[in-house]
């Protein structure tokens, strides 16, 4: 019984991480990479943009997660 719950929790966590990663890729790609590209490599500007975008995305995700956790924690 406990192993089934652990397995289900792991699957939910994996889905959440996969969803987060997909949203991060979609958001940062739209912001940082031109739709009409000619080079097979990212430019320095695109790399910097992606680096900043990922950092901000994860920072905001962390802040929101903490606030949601605080809101769901009963006050004593």
PDB file of N, CA and C in Angstrom:
ATOM      1  N   UNK A   1       0.824  -1.199   0.000  1.00  0.00           N
ATOM      2  CA  UNK A   1       0.000   0.000   0.000  1.00  0.00           C
ATOM      3  C   UNK A   1       0.866   1.260   0.000  1.00  0.00           C
ATOM      4  N   UNK A   2       1.853   1.285   0.896  1.00  0.00           N
ATOM      5  CA  UNK A   2       2.726   2.460   0.977  1.00  0.00           C
ATOM      6  C   UNK A   2       3.543   2.625  -0.300  1.00  0.00           C
ATOM      7  N   UNK A   3       3.964   1.495  -0.888  1.00  0.00           N
ATOM      8  CA  UNK A   3       4.759   1.599  -2.119  1.00  0.00           C
ATOM      9  C   UNK A   3       3.917   2.118  -3.275  1.00  0.00           C
ATOM     10  N   UNK A   4       2.620   1.781  -3.295  1.00  0.00           N
ATOM     11  CA  UNK A   4       1.728   2.310  -4.329  1.00  0.00           C
ATOM     12  C   UNK A   4       1.587   3.816  -4.185  1.00  0.00           C
ATOM     13  N   UNK A   5       1.462   4.283  -2.962  1.00  0.00           N
ATOM     14  CA  UNK A   5       1.340   5.727  -2.714  1.00  0.00           C
ATOM     15  C   UNK A   5       2.626   6.435  -3.115  1.00  0.00           C
ATOM     16  N   UNK A   6       3.761   5.833  -2.781  1.00  0.00           N
ATOM     17  CA  UNK A   6       5.052   6.412  -3.171  1.00  0.00           C
ATOM     18  C   UNK A   6       5.189   6.468  -4.687  1.00  0.00           C
ATOM     19  N   UNK A   7       4.758   5.411  -5.354  1.00  0.00           N
ATOM     20  CA  UNK A   7       4.825   5.368  -6.812  1.00  0.00           C
ATOM     21  C   UNK A   7       3.934   6.445  -7.424  1.00  0.00           C
ATOM     22  N   UNK A   8       2.720   6.570  -6.899  1.00  0.00           N
ATOM     23  CA  UNK A   8       1.803   7.591  -7.411  1.00  0.00           C
ATOM     24  C   UNK A   8       2.356   8.992  -7.161  1.00  0.00           C
ATOM     25  N   UNK A   9       2.921   9.217  -5.986  1.00  0.00           N
ATOM     26  CA  UNK A   9       3.508  10.522  -5.673  1.00  0.00           C
ATOM     27  C   UNK A   9       4.669  10.823  -6.610  1.00  0.00           C
ATOM     28  N   UNK A  10       5.475   9.824  -6.899  1.00  0.00           N
ATOM     29  CA  UNK A  10       6.598  10.005  -7.825  1.00  0.00           C
ATOM     30  C   UNK A  10       6.110  10.335  -9.227  1.00  0.00           C
ATOM     31  N   UNK A  11       5.036   9.680  -9.651  1.00  0.00           N
ATOM     32  CA  UNK A  11       4.486   9.945 -10.977  1.00  0.00           C
ATOM     33  C   UNK A  11       3.919  11.359 -11.073  1.00  0.00           C
ATOM     34  N   UNK A  12       3.240  11.800 -10.026  1.00  0.00           N
ATOM     35  CA  UNK A  12       2.693  13.164 -10.004  1.00  0.00           C
ATOM     36  C   UNK A  12       3.829  14.182 -10.020  1.00  0.00           C
ATOM     37  N   UNK A  13       4.865  13.906  -9.244  1.00  0.00           N
ATOM     38  CA  UNK A  13       6.016  14.821  -9.210  1.00  0.00           C
ATOM     39  C   UNK A  13       6.706  14.870 -10.574  1.00  0.00           C
ATOM     40  N   UNK A  14       6.857  13.734 -11.223  1.00  0.00           N
ATOM     41  CA  UNK A  14       7.470  13.699 -12.547  1.00  0.00           C
ATOM     42  C   UNK A  14       6.641  14.485 -13.553  1.00  0.00           C
ATOM     43  N   UNK A  15       5.315  14.331 -13.499  1.00  0.00           N
ATOM     44  CA  UNK A  15       4.432  15.096 -14.383  1.00  0.00           C
ATOM     45  C   UNK A  15       4.586  16.596 -14.141  1.00  0.00           C
ATOM     46  N   UNK A  16       4.669  17.000 -12.880  1.00  0.00           N
ATOM     47  CA  UNK A  16       4.807  18.417 -12.552  1.00  0.00           C
ATOM     48  C   UNK A  16       6.132  18.973 -13.069  1.00  0.00           C
ATOM     49  N   UNK A  17       7.198  18.215 -12.915  1.00  0.00           N
ATOM     50  CA  UNK A  17       8.511  18.662 -13.388  1.00  0.00           C
ATOM     51  C   UNK A  17       8.526  18.734 -14.908  1.00  0.00           C
ATOM     52  N   UNK A  18       7.930  17.752 -15.564  1.00  0.00           N
ATOM     53  CA  UNK A  18       7.857  17.742 -17.024  1.00  0.00           C
ATOM     54  C   UNK A  18       7.053  18.932 -17.519  1.00  0.00           C
ATOM     55  N   UNK A  19       5.937  19.224 -16.860  1.00  0.00           N
ATOM     56  CA  UNK A  19       5.108  20.374 -17.225  1.00  0.00           C
ATOM     57  C   UNK A  19       5.885  21.680 -17.043  1.00  0.00           C
ATOM     58  N   UNK A  20       6.578  21.806 -15.915  1.00  0.00           N
ATOM     59  CA  UNK A  20       7.391  23.000 -15.660  1.00  0.00           C
ATOM     60  C   UNK A  20       8.442  23.173 -16.749  1.00  0.00           C
ATOM     61  N   UNK A  21       9.122  22.103 -17.099  1.00  0.00           N
ATOM     62  CA  UNK A  21      10.170  22.156 -18.113  1.00  0.00           C
ATOM     63  C   UNK A  21       9.606  22.554 -19.471  1.00  0.00           C
ATOM     64  N   UNK A  22       8.457  21.999 -19.843  1.00  0.00           N
ATOM     65  CA  UNK A  22       7.831  22.333 -21.121  1.00  0.00           C
ATOM     66  C   UNK A  22       7.425  23.806 -21.165  1.00  0.00           C
ATOM     67  N   UNK A  23       6.862  24.312 -20.080  1.00  0.00           N
ATOM     68  CA  UNK A  23       6.474  25.726 -20.028  1.00  0.00           C
ATOM     69  C   UNK A  23       7.698  26.631 -20.092  1.00  0.00           C
ATOM     70  N   UNK A  24       8.762  26.238 -19.410  1.00  0.00           N
ATOM     71  CA  UNK A  24      10.003  27.012 -19.432  1.00  0.00           C
ATOM     72  C   UNK A  24      10.564  27.069 -20.851  1.00  0.00           C
ATOM     73  N   UNK A  25      10.615  25.937 -21.527  1.00  0.00           N
ATOM     74  CA  UNK A  25      11.136  25.895 -22.898  1.00  0.00           C
ATOM     75  C   UNK A  25      10.295  26.769 -23.816  1.00  0.00           C
ATOM     76  N   UNK A  26       8.985  26.616 -23.741  1.00  0.00           N
ATOM     77  CA  UNK A  26       8.093  27.383 -24.614  1.00  0.00           C
ATOM     78  C   UNK A  26       8.227  28.873 -24.360  1.00  0.00           C
ATOM     79  N   UNK A  27       8.223  29.271 -23.103  1.00  0.00           N
ATOM     80  CA  UNK A  27       8.292  30.687 -22.770  1.00  0.00           C
ATOM     81  C   UNK A  27       9.618  31.312 -23.202  1.00  0.00           C
ATOM     82  N   UNK A  28      10.705  30.674 -22.843  1.00  0.00           N
ATOM     83  CA  UNK A  28      12.024  31.246 -23.153  1.00  0.00           C
ATOM     84  C   UNK A  28      12.336  31.174 -24.649  1.00  0.00           C
ATOM     85  N   UNK A  29      11.866  30.160 -25.313  1.00  0.00           N
ATOM     86  CA  UNK A  29      12.084  30.077 -26.758  1.00  0.00           C
ATOM     87  C   UNK A  29      11.345  31.203 -27.475  1.00  0.00           C
ATOM     88  N   UNK A  30      10.105  31.464 -27.078  1.00  0.00           N
ATOM     89  CA  UNK A  30       9.341  32.549 -27.697  1.00  0.00           C
ATOM     90  C   UNK A  30       9.996  33.898 -27.457  1.00  0.00           C
ATOM     91  N   UNK A  31      10.542  34.111 -26.267  1.00  0.00           N
ATOM     92  CA  UNK A  31      11.125  35.399 -25.914  1.00  0.00           C
ATOM     93  C   UNK A  31      12.507  35.617 -26.516  1.00  0.00           C
ATOM     94  N   UNK A  32      13.268  34.544 -26.666  1.00  0.00           N
ATOM     95  CA  UNK A  32      14.692  34.716 -26.956  1.00  0.00           C
ATOM     96  C   UNK A  32      15.161  34.272 -28.343  1.00  0.00           C
ATOM     97  N   UNK A  33      14.406  33.450 -29.006  1.00  0.00           N
ATOM     98  CA  UNK A  33      14.882  32.914 -30.283  1.00  0.00           C
ATOM     99  C   UNK A  33      13.943  33.357 -31.397  1.00  0.00           C
ATOM    100  N   UNK A  34      14.521  34.013 -32.385  1.00  0.00           N
ATOM    101  CA  UNK A  34      13.732  34.492 -33.526  1.00  0.00           C
ATOM    102  C   UNK A  34      13.149  33.308 -34.292  1.00  0.00           C
ATOM    103  N   UNK A  35      11.959  33.518 -34.846  1.00  0.00           N
ATOM    104  CA  UNK A  35      11.297  32.447 -35.592  1.00  0.00           C
ATOM    105  C   UNK A  35      12.028  32.156 -36.906  1.00  0.00           C
ATOM    106  N   UNK A  36      12.620  33.182 -37.504  1.00  0.00           N
ATOM    107  CA  UNK A  36      13.344  33.027 -38.765  1.00  0.00           C
ATOM    108  C   UNK A  36      14.840  33.042 -38.457  1.00  0.00           C
ATOM    109  N   UNK A  37      15.404  31.911 -38.195  1.00  0.00           N
ATOM    110  CA  UNK A  37      16.833  31.884 -37.908  1.00  0.00           C
ATOM    111  C   UNK A  37      17.591  31.245 -39.064  1.00  0.00           C
ATOM    112  N   UNK A  38      18.810  31.724 -39.249  1.00  0.00           N
ATOM    113  CA  UNK A  38      19.632  31.253 -40.367  1.00  0.00           C
ATOM    114  C   UNK A  38      20.819  30.429 -39.887  1.00  0.00           C
ATOM    115  N   UNK A  39      21.245  30.689 -38.651  1.00  0.00           N
ATOM    116  CA  UNK A  39      22.409  29.981 -38.120  1.00  0.00           C
ATOM    117  C   UNK A  39      21.986  28.695 -37.421  1.00  0.00           C
ATOM    118  N   UNK A  40      22.888  27.731 -37.435  1.00  0.00           N
ATOM    119  CA  UNK A  40      22.600  26.484 -36.732  1.00  0.00           C
ATOM    120  C   UNK A  40      22.999  26.561 -35.254  1.00  0.00           C
ATOM    121  N   UNK A  41      23.638  27.647 -34.865  1.00  0.00           N
ATOM    122  CA  UNK A  41      24.048  27.863 -33.479  1.00  0.00           C
ATOM    123  C   UNK A  41      23.325  29.086 -32.916  1.00  0.00           C
ATOM    124  N   UNK A  42      23.111  29.086 -31.615  1.00  0.00           N
ATOM    125  CA  UNK A  42      22.512  30.255 -30.973  1.00  0.00           C
ATOM    126  C   UNK A  42      23.539  31.386 -30.932  1.00  0.00           C
ATOM    127  N   UNK A  43      23.061  32.616 -31.068  1.00  0.00           N
ATOM    128  CA  UNK A  43      23.954  33.765 -30.959  1.00  0.00           C
ATOM    129  C   UNK A  43      24.245  34.029 -29.486  1.00  0.00           C
ATOM    130  N   UNK A  44      25.239  34.867 -29.238  1.00  0.00           N
ATOM    131  CA  UNK A  44      25.571  35.209 -27.855  1.00  0.00           C
ATOM    132  C   UNK A  44      24.387  35.900 -27.184  1.00  0.00           C
ATOM    133  N   UNK A  45      23.707  36.774 -27.908  1.00  0.00           N
ATOM    134  CA  UNK A  45      22.541  37.463 -27.364  1.00  0.00           C
ATOM    135  C   UNK A  45      21.425  36.490 -26.998  1.00  0.00           C
ATOM    136  N   UNK A  46      21.208  35.495 -27.843  1.00  0.00           N
ATOM    137  CA  UNK A  46      20.178  34.489 -27.564  1.00  0.00           C
ATOM    138  C   UNK A  46      20.547  33.656 -26.337  1.00  0.00           C
ATOM    139  N   UNK A  47      21.819  33.295 -26.240  1.00  0.00           N
ATOM    140  CA  UNK A  47      22.279  32.518 -25.089  1.00  0.00           C
ATOM    141  C   UNK A  47      22.104  33.292 -23.784  1.00  0.00           C
ATOM    142  N   UNK A  48      22.459  34.572 -23.798  1.00  0.00           N
ATOM    143  CA  UNK A  48      22.309  35.413 -22.603  1.00  0.00           C
ATOM    144  C   UNK A  48      20.829  35.545 -22.253  1.00  0.00           C
ATOM    145  N   UNK A  49      20.003  35.768 -23.267  1.00  0.00           N
ATOM    146  CA  UNK A  49      18.568  35.898 -23.055  1.00  0.00           C
ATOM    147  C   UNK A  49      17.994  34.624 -22.437  1.00  0.00           C
ATOM    148  N   UNK A  50      18.368  33.481 -22.972  1.00  0.00           N
ATOM    149  CA  UNK A  50      17.872  32.205 -22.460  1.00  0.00           C
ATOM    150  C   UNK A  50      18.339  31.994 -21.024  1.00  0.00           C
ATOM    151  N   UNK A  51      19.593  32.307 -20.748  1.00  0.00           N
ATOM    152  CA  UNK A  51      20.129  32.157 -19.395  1.00  0.00           C
ATOM    153  C   UNK A  51      19.329  32.993 -18.401  1.00  0.00           C
ATOM    154  N   UNK A  52      19.090  34.241 -18.743  1.00  0.00           N
ATOM    155  CA  UNK A  52      18.317  35.123 -17.860  1.00  0.00           C
ATOM    156  C   UNK A  52      16.873  34.671 -17.733  1.00  0.00           C
ATOM    157  N   UNK A  53      16.285  34.260 -18.852  1.00  0.00           N
ATOM    158  CA  UNK A  53      14.896  33.813 -18.855  1.00  0.00           C
ATOM    159  C   UNK A  53      14.717  32.600 -17.947  1.00  0.00           C
ATOM    160  N   UNK A  54      15.595  31.622 -18.069  1.00  0.00           N
ATOM    161  CA  UNK A  54      15.504  30.415 -17.245  1.00  0.00           C
ATOM    162  C   UNK A  54      15.677  30.776 -15.768  1.00  0.00           C
ATOM    163  N   UNK A  55      16.646  31.622 -15.468  1.00  0.00           N
ATOM    164  CA  UNK A  55      16.875  32.014 -14.074  1.00  0.00           C
ATOM    165  C   UNK A  55      15.647  32.708 -13.493  1.00  0.00           C
ATOM    166  N   UNK A  56      15.065  33.639 -14.244  1.00  0.00           N
ATOM    167  CA  UNK A  56      13.875  34.349 -13.763  1.00  0.00           C
ATOM    168  C   UNK A  56      12.689  33.409 -13.629  1.00  0.00           C
ATOM    169  N   UNK A  57      12.506  32.539 -14.601  1.00  0.00           N
ATOM    170  CA  UNK A  57      11.389  31.586 -14.583  1.00  0.00           C
ATOM    171  C   UNK A  57      11.466  30.716 -13.337  1.00  0.00           C
ATOM    172  N   UNK A  58      12.645  30.165 -13.052  1.00  0.00           N
ATOM    173  CA  UNK A  58      12.806  29.290 -11.890  1.00  0.00           C
ATOM    174  C   UNK A  58      12.688  30.065 -10.584  1.00  0.00           C
ATOM    175  N   UNK A  59      13.183  31.296 -10.559  1.00  0.00           N
ATOM    176  CA  UNK A  59      13.065  32.118  -9.361  1.00  0.00           C
ATOM    177  C   UNK A  59      11.599  32.400  -9.046  1.00  0.00           C
ATOM    178  N   UNK A  60      10.838  32.778 -10.055  1.00  0.00           N
ATOM    179  CA  UNK A  60       9.416  33.051  -9.862  1.00  0.00           C
ATOM    180  C   UNK A  60       8.682  31.770  -9.463  1.00  0.00           C
ATOM    181  N   UNK A  61       9.019  30.659 -10.084  1.00  0.00           N
ATOM    182  CA  UNK A  61       8.406  29.383  -9.736  1.00  0.00           C
ATOM    183  C   UNK A  61       8.661  29.057  -8.262  1.00  0.00           C
ATOM    184  N   UNK A  62       9.870  29.295  -7.794  1.00  0.00           N
ATOM    185  CA  UNK A  62      10.228  29.056  -6.400  1.00  0.00           C
ATOM    186  C   UNK A  62       9.439  29.966  -5.463  1.00  0.00           C
ATOM    187  N   UNK A  63       9.345  31.244  -5.811  1.00  0.00           N
ATOM    188  CA  UNK A  63       8.606  32.207  -4.979  1.00  0.00           C
ATOM    189  C   UNK A  63       7.130  31.822  -4.890  1.00  0.00           C
ATOM    190  N   UNK A  64       6.541  31.503  -6.024  1.00  0.00           N
ATOM    191  CA  UNK A  64       5.119  31.121  -6.049  1.00  0.00           C
ATOM    192  C   UNK A  64       4.900  29.846  -5.240  1.00  0.00           C
ATOM    193  N   UNK A  65       5.793  28.884  -5.399  1.00  0.00           N
ATOM    194  CA  UNK A  65       5.680  27.636  -4.647  1.00  0.00           C
ATOM    195  C   UNK A  65       5.738  27.867  -3.147  1.00  0.00           C
ATOM    196  N   UNK A  66       6.647  28.743  -2.704  1.00  0.00           N
ATOM    197  CA  UNK A  66       6.756  29.046  -1.273  1.00  0.00           C
ATOM    198  C   UNK A  66       5.500  29.743  -0.763  1.00  0.00           C
ATOM    199  N   UNK A  67       4.988  30.691  -1.547  1.00  0.00           N
ATOM    200  CA  UNK A  67       3.768  31.399  -1.133  1.00  0.00           C
ATOM    201  C   UNK A  67       2.576  30.449  -1.066  1.00  0.00           C
ATOM    202  N   UNK A  68       2.477  29.541  -2.027  1.00  0.00           N
ATOM    203  CA  UNK A  68       1.380  28.573  -2.006  1.00  0.00           C
ATOM    204  C   UNK A  68       1.521  27.635  -0.809  1.00  0.00           C
ATOM    205  N   UNK A  69       2.740  27.244  -0.517  1.00  0.00           N
ATOM    206  CA  UNK A  69       2.989  26.377   0.629  1.00  0.00           C
ATOM    207  C   UNK A  69       2.630  27.092   1.924  1.00  0.00           C
ATOM    208  N   UNK A  70       3.015  28.362   2.033  1.00  0.00           N
ATOM    209  CA  UNK A  70       2.678  29.148   3.223  1.00  0.00           C
ATOM    210  C   UNK A  70       1.171  29.317   3.366  1.00  0.00           C
ATOM    211  N   UNK A  71       0.483  29.516   2.245  1.00  0.00           N
ATOM    212  CA  UNK A  71      -0.967  29.692   2.280  1.00  0.00           C
ATOM    213  C   UNK A  71      -1.683  28.402   2.688  1.00  0.00           C
ATOM    214  N   UNK A  72      -1.096  27.272   2.352  1.00  0.00           N
ATOM    215  CA  UNK A  72      -1.715  25.985   2.679  1.00  0.00           C
ATOM    216  C   UNK A  72      -1.313  25.456   4.049  1.00  0.00           C
ATOM    217  N   UNK A  73      -0.318  26.091   4.671  1.00  0.00           N
ATOM    218  CA  UNK A  73       0.116  25.662   5.991  1.00  0.00           C
ATOM    219  C   UNK A  73      -0.778  26.318   7.041  1.00  0.00           C
ATOM    220  N   UNK A  74      -1.396  25.506   7.892  1.00  0.00           N
ATOM    221  CA  UNK A  74      -2.267  26.083   8.920  1.00  0.00           C
ATOM    222  C   UNK A  74      -1.469  26.937   9.910  1.00  0.00           C
ATOM    223  N   UNK A  75      -2.027  28.064  10.262  1.00  0.00           N
ATOM    224  CA  UNK A  75      -1.383  28.964  11.237  1.00  0.00           C
ATOM    225  C   UNK A  75      -1.619  28.414  12.638  1.00  0.00           C
ATOM    226  N   UNK A  76      -0.590  28.462  13.464  1.00  0.00           N
ATOM    227  CA  UNK A  76      -0.721  27.935  14.837  1.00  0.00           C
ATOM    228  C   UNK A  76      -0.797  29.055  15.827  1.00  0.00           C
TER     229      UNK A  76
END
